[in-house]
Amino acid sequence: MVIGKRKASFSHVVKALLTLLKAEKEMREFLKVSGIPSSTFYTTMRDALIELGLITIESNPRERVVSIKLTDRGRKLAQCLEELGIES
C-alpha cells in the first residue's frame, strides 16, 4: 500500500488505526501495544498518516511525552474497519 510517497504495510495501517480506536496512547505505549516496529512507524507511516488526516501527534515538552490520536476522519475509518470485521 502506498501512502503518500512511501510504501506501508496495509496490516500496519490497520493495526495503528484499530489500536488507537481502542485507546489513544502515549507514543511508546502505542508502539508497544500495536506491535509496529518504531523504525517502520517513523520511516513509512507517521508522516503519511498525518498527511492523510488520520492521526495527530501532540507533544508536551515539559513532560517529555508524545501522544498519538485519531482525527475524526481516522476514527471513522477505524470504525469502518472494525465493523467490517477486519482485525489487526
N, C-alpha and C. Protein backbone atom coordinates (compact mmCIF):
# COMPACT_ATOMS: atom_id res chain seq x y z
N MET A 1 0.85 -1.16 0.00
CA MET A 1 0.00 0.00 0.00
C MET A 1 0.89 1.23 0.00
N VAL A 2 0.65 2.13 -0.89
CA VAL A 2 1.43 3.36 -0.95
C VAL A 2 0.65 4.46 -0.24
N ILE A 3 1.27 5.04 0.76
CA ILE A 3 0.68 6.15 1.49
C ILE A 3 1.60 7.33 1.28
N GLY A 4 1.10 8.37 0.68
CA GLY A 4 1.97 9.50 0.37
C GLY A 4 3.01 9.04 -0.64
N LYS A 5 4.28 9.22 -0.29
CA LYS A 5 5.37 8.83 -1.18
C LYS A 5 6.05 7.55 -0.72
N ARG A 6 5.53 6.93 0.32
CA ARG A 6 6.19 5.75 0.90
C ARG A 6 5.27 4.55 0.91
N LYS A 7 5.88 3.38 0.89
CA LYS A 7 5.11 2.14 0.99
C LYS A 7 4.92 1.78 2.45
N ALA A 8 3.72 1.42 2.79
CA ALA A 8 3.41 0.98 4.15
C ALA A 8 2.56 -0.27 4.05
N SER A 9 2.81 -1.17 4.96
CA SER A 9 2.04 -2.40 5.01
C SER A 9 0.60 -2.08 5.41
N PHE A 10 -0.34 -2.65 4.66
CA PHE A 10 -1.76 -2.45 4.99
C PHE A 10 -2.03 -2.94 6.40
N SER A 11 -1.42 -4.05 6.78
CA SER A 11 -1.66 -4.58 8.12
C SER A 11 -1.15 -3.63 9.19
N HIS A 12 -0.05 -2.92 8.93
CA HIS A 12 0.43 -1.96 9.91
C HIS A 12 -0.51 -0.76 10.03
N VAL A 13 -1.06 -0.32 8.91
CA VAL A 13 -2.01 0.79 8.94
C VAL A 13 -3.25 0.38 9.72
N VAL A 14 -3.75 -0.82 9.46
CA VAL A 14 -4.92 -1.32 10.18
C VAL A 14 -4.61 -1.43 11.67
N LYS A 15 -3.45 -2.01 12.01
CA LYS A 15 -3.06 -2.13 13.42
C LYS A 15 -3.03 -0.77 14.10
N ALA A 16 -2.45 0.21 13.43
CA ALA A 16 -2.34 1.55 14.01
C ALA A 16 -3.72 2.13 14.28
N LEU A 17 -4.59 2.08 13.29
CA LEU A 17 -5.92 2.68 13.44
C LEU A 17 -6.76 1.96 14.49
N LEU A 18 -6.76 0.63 14.48
CA LEU A 18 -7.57 -0.11 15.44
C LEU A 18 -7.01 -0.01 16.85
N THR A 19 -5.70 0.06 16.99
CA THR A 19 -5.10 0.24 18.32
C THR A 19 -5.54 1.58 18.89
N LEU A 20 -5.49 2.62 18.07
CA LEU A 20 -5.89 3.94 18.54
C LEU A 20 -7.38 4.07 18.78
N LEU A 21 -8.17 3.29 18.05
CA LEU A 21 -9.62 3.31 18.25
C LEU A 21 -9.95 2.80 19.66
N LYS A 22 -9.21 1.80 20.10
CA LYS A 22 -9.46 1.24 21.44
C LYS A 22 -9.04 2.22 22.53
N ALA A 23 -7.94 2.89 22.34
CA ALA A 23 -7.47 3.88 23.32
C ALA A 23 -6.33 4.69 22.74
N GLU A 24 -6.47 5.99 22.79
CA GLU A 24 -5.38 6.85 22.33
C GLU A 24 -4.29 6.79 23.38
N LYS A 25 -3.06 6.81 22.92
CA LYS A 25 -1.96 6.48 23.79
C LYS A 25 -0.78 7.42 23.67
N GLU A 26 0.06 7.33 24.66
CA GLU A 26 1.38 7.93 24.59
C GLU A 26 2.17 7.10 23.57
N MET A 27 3.05 7.74 22.82
CA MET A 27 3.70 7.10 21.68
C MET A 27 4.39 5.77 22.03
N ARG A 28 5.17 5.73 23.10
CA ARG A 28 5.87 4.48 23.44
C ARG A 28 4.88 3.35 23.69
N GLU A 29 3.81 3.65 24.40
CA GLU A 29 2.79 2.64 24.71
C GLU A 29 2.08 2.19 23.43
N PHE A 30 1.78 3.15 22.54
CA PHE A 30 1.14 2.83 21.27
C PHE A 30 1.99 1.83 20.48
N LEU A 31 3.28 2.09 20.35
CA LEU A 31 4.16 1.21 19.58
C LEU A 31 4.24 -0.17 20.22
N LYS A 32 4.27 -0.21 21.54
CA LYS A 32 4.33 -1.49 22.26
C LYS A 32 3.05 -2.30 22.04
N VAL A 33 1.91 -1.67 22.22
CA VAL A 33 0.62 -2.37 22.11
C VAL A 33 0.32 -2.78 20.67
N SER A 34 0.63 -1.90 19.72
CA SER A 34 0.31 -2.20 18.32
C SER A 34 1.23 -3.24 17.72
N GLY A 35 2.44 -3.35 18.26
CA GLY A 35 3.41 -4.30 17.69
C GLY A 35 4.09 -3.79 16.44
N ILE A 36 3.86 -2.53 16.08
CA ILE A 36 4.51 -1.94 14.91
C ILE A 36 5.91 -1.51 15.32
N PRO A 37 6.93 -1.98 14.61
CA PRO A 37 8.30 -1.54 14.95
C PRO A 37 8.42 -0.02 14.84
N SER A 38 9.11 0.58 15.79
CA SER A 38 9.23 2.05 15.77
C SER A 38 9.89 2.54 14.49
N SER A 39 10.87 1.78 13.98
CA SER A 39 11.53 2.21 12.74
C SER A 39 10.53 2.23 11.58
N THR A 40 9.64 1.27 11.54
CA THR A 40 8.60 1.24 10.49
C THR A 40 7.65 2.41 10.65
N PHE A 41 7.22 2.65 11.86
CA PHE A 41 6.28 3.74 12.10
C PHE A 41 6.89 5.08 11.71
N TYR A 42 8.11 5.33 12.17
CA TYR A 42 8.72 6.64 11.93
C TYR A 42 9.20 6.83 10.49
N THR A 43 9.56 5.75 9.79
CA THR A 43 10.08 5.92 8.43
C THR A 43 9.02 5.81 7.35
N THR A 44 7.95 5.06 7.57
CA THR A 44 6.99 4.87 6.48
C THR A 44 5.56 5.26 6.81
N MET A 45 5.22 5.42 8.07
CA MET A 45 3.82 5.60 8.39
C MET A 45 3.44 6.95 8.97
N ARG A 46 4.18 7.45 9.91
CA ARG A 46 3.78 8.63 10.67
C ARG A 46 3.40 9.81 9.78
N ASP A 47 4.31 10.26 8.95
CA ASP A 47 4.05 11.44 8.12
C ASP A 47 2.89 11.20 7.15
N ALA A 48 2.81 10.01 6.60
CA ALA A 48 1.74 9.70 5.66
C ALA A 48 0.38 9.72 6.34
N LEU A 49 0.28 9.13 7.55
CA LEU A 49 -1.00 9.13 8.26
C LEU A 49 -1.41 10.54 8.67
N ILE A 50 -0.42 11.38 8.97
CA ILE A 50 -0.71 12.77 9.29
C ILE A 50 -1.20 13.49 8.03
N GLU A 51 -0.49 13.30 6.91
CA GLU A 51 -0.86 13.96 5.64
C GLU A 51 -2.26 13.55 5.19
N LEU A 52 -2.63 12.30 5.44
CA LEU A 52 -3.95 11.82 5.06
C LEU A 52 -5.04 12.28 6.04
N GLY A 53 -4.61 12.92 7.11
CA GLY A 53 -5.58 13.43 8.08
C GLY A 53 -6.16 12.36 8.98
N LEU A 54 -5.41 11.28 9.20
CA LEU A 54 -5.92 10.17 10.02
C LEU A 54 -5.47 10.24 11.48
N ILE A 55 -4.31 10.84 11.72
CA ILE A 55 -3.79 10.95 13.09
C ILE A 55 -3.22 12.35 13.33
N THR A 56 -3.08 12.66 14.61
CA THR A 56 -2.32 13.84 15.02
C THR A 56 -1.31 13.38 16.07
N ILE A 57 -0.22 14.10 16.13
CA ILE A 57 0.82 13.83 17.12
C ILE A 57 0.93 15.10 17.97
N GLU A 58 0.84 14.92 19.26
CA GLU A 58 0.93 16.06 20.17
C GLU A 58 2.08 15.82 21.14
N SER A 59 2.86 16.85 21.38
CA SER A 59 3.97 16.68 22.32
C SER A 59 3.84 17.69 23.45
N ASN A 60 4.29 17.27 24.61
CA ASN A 60 4.35 18.12 25.78
C ASN A 60 5.80 18.14 26.22
N PRO A 61 6.56 19.15 25.79
CA PRO A 61 8.00 19.17 26.09
C PRO A 61 8.31 19.20 27.58
N ARG A 62 7.44 19.78 28.37
CA ARG A 62 7.68 19.82 29.81
C ARG A 62 7.69 18.43 30.42
N GLU A 63 6.81 17.59 29.94
CA GLU A 63 6.72 16.22 30.47
C GLU A 63 7.46 15.22 29.59
N ARG A 64 8.00 15.67 28.48
CA ARG A 64 8.69 14.82 27.53
C ARG A 64 7.81 13.64 27.09
N VAL A 65 6.56 13.96 26.79
CA VAL A 65 5.59 12.95 26.38
C VAL A 65 5.07 13.31 25.00
N VAL A 66 4.98 12.32 24.13
CA VAL A 66 4.40 12.49 22.80
C VAL A 66 3.18 11.57 22.72
N SER A 67 2.04 12.15 22.37
CA SER A 67 0.80 11.38 22.28
C SER A 67 0.36 11.30 20.83
N ILE A 68 -0.29 10.20 20.50
CA ILE A 68 -0.81 9.99 19.15
C ILE A 68 -2.32 9.81 19.27
N LYS A 69 -3.05 10.52 18.40
CA LYS A 69 -4.51 10.47 18.47
C LYS A 69 -5.10 10.37 17.07
N LEU A 70 -6.26 9.75 17.00
CA LEU A 70 -7.01 9.70 15.75
C LEU A 70 -7.72 11.03 15.53
N THR A 71 -7.78 11.44 14.29
CA THR A 71 -8.62 12.58 13.92
C THR A 71 -10.04 12.02 13.74
N ASP A 72 -11.00 12.89 13.49
CA ASP A 72 -12.36 12.41 13.22
C ASP A 72 -12.36 11.48 12.01
N ARG A 73 -11.62 11.87 10.99
CA ARG A 73 -11.52 11.05 9.77
C ARG A 73 -10.89 9.68 10.07
N GLY A 74 -9.83 9.69 10.86
CA GLY A 74 -9.18 8.43 11.24
C GLY A 74 -10.08 7.54 12.06
N ARG A 75 -10.85 8.16 12.98
CA ARG A 75 -11.78 7.40 13.81
C ARG A 75 -12.87 6.75 12.96
N LYS A 76 -13.39 7.50 11.99
CA LYS A 76 -14.43 6.94 11.11
C LYS A 76 -13.88 5.76 10.31
N LEU A 77 -12.68 5.90 9.78
CA LEU A 77 -12.07 4.80 9.02
C LEU A 77 -11.84 3.59 9.91
N ALA A 78 -11.32 3.82 11.11
CA ALA A 78 -11.07 2.71 12.05
C ALA A 78 -12.38 2.01 12.42
N GLN A 79 -13.43 2.78 12.64
CA GLN A 79 -14.73 2.19 12.97
C GLN A 79 -15.26 1.35 11.80
N CYS A 80 -15.07 1.83 10.58
CA CYS A 80 -15.49 1.06 9.40
C CYS A 80 -14.72 -0.25 9.32
N LEU A 81 -13.41 -0.21 9.55
CA LEU A 81 -12.60 -1.43 9.53
C LEU A 81 -13.09 -2.41 10.58
N GLU A 82 -13.39 -1.89 11.76
CA GLU A 82 -13.87 -2.74 12.86
C GLU A 82 -15.23 -3.35 12.51
N GLU A 83 -16.13 -2.54 11.96
CA GLU A 83 -17.44 -3.04 11.58
C GLU A 83 -17.37 -4.11 10.50
N LEU A 84 -16.38 -4.00 9.63
CA LEU A 84 -16.20 -5.00 8.57
C LEU A 84 -15.58 -6.29 9.10
N GLY A 85 -15.16 -6.26 10.36
CA GLY A 85 -14.55 -7.44 10.96
C GLY A 85 -13.08 -7.58 10.64
N ILE A 86 -12.46 -6.52 10.14
CA ILE A 86 -11.04 -6.55 9.84
C ILE A 86 -10.30 -6.41 11.16
N GLU A 87 -9.38 -7.31 11.40
CA GLU A 87 -8.64 -7.31 12.66
C GLU A 87 -7.19 -6.99 12.42
N SER A 88 -6.58 -6.43 13.44
CA SER A 88 -5.17 -6.09 13.33
C SER A 88 -4.31 -7.30 13.59
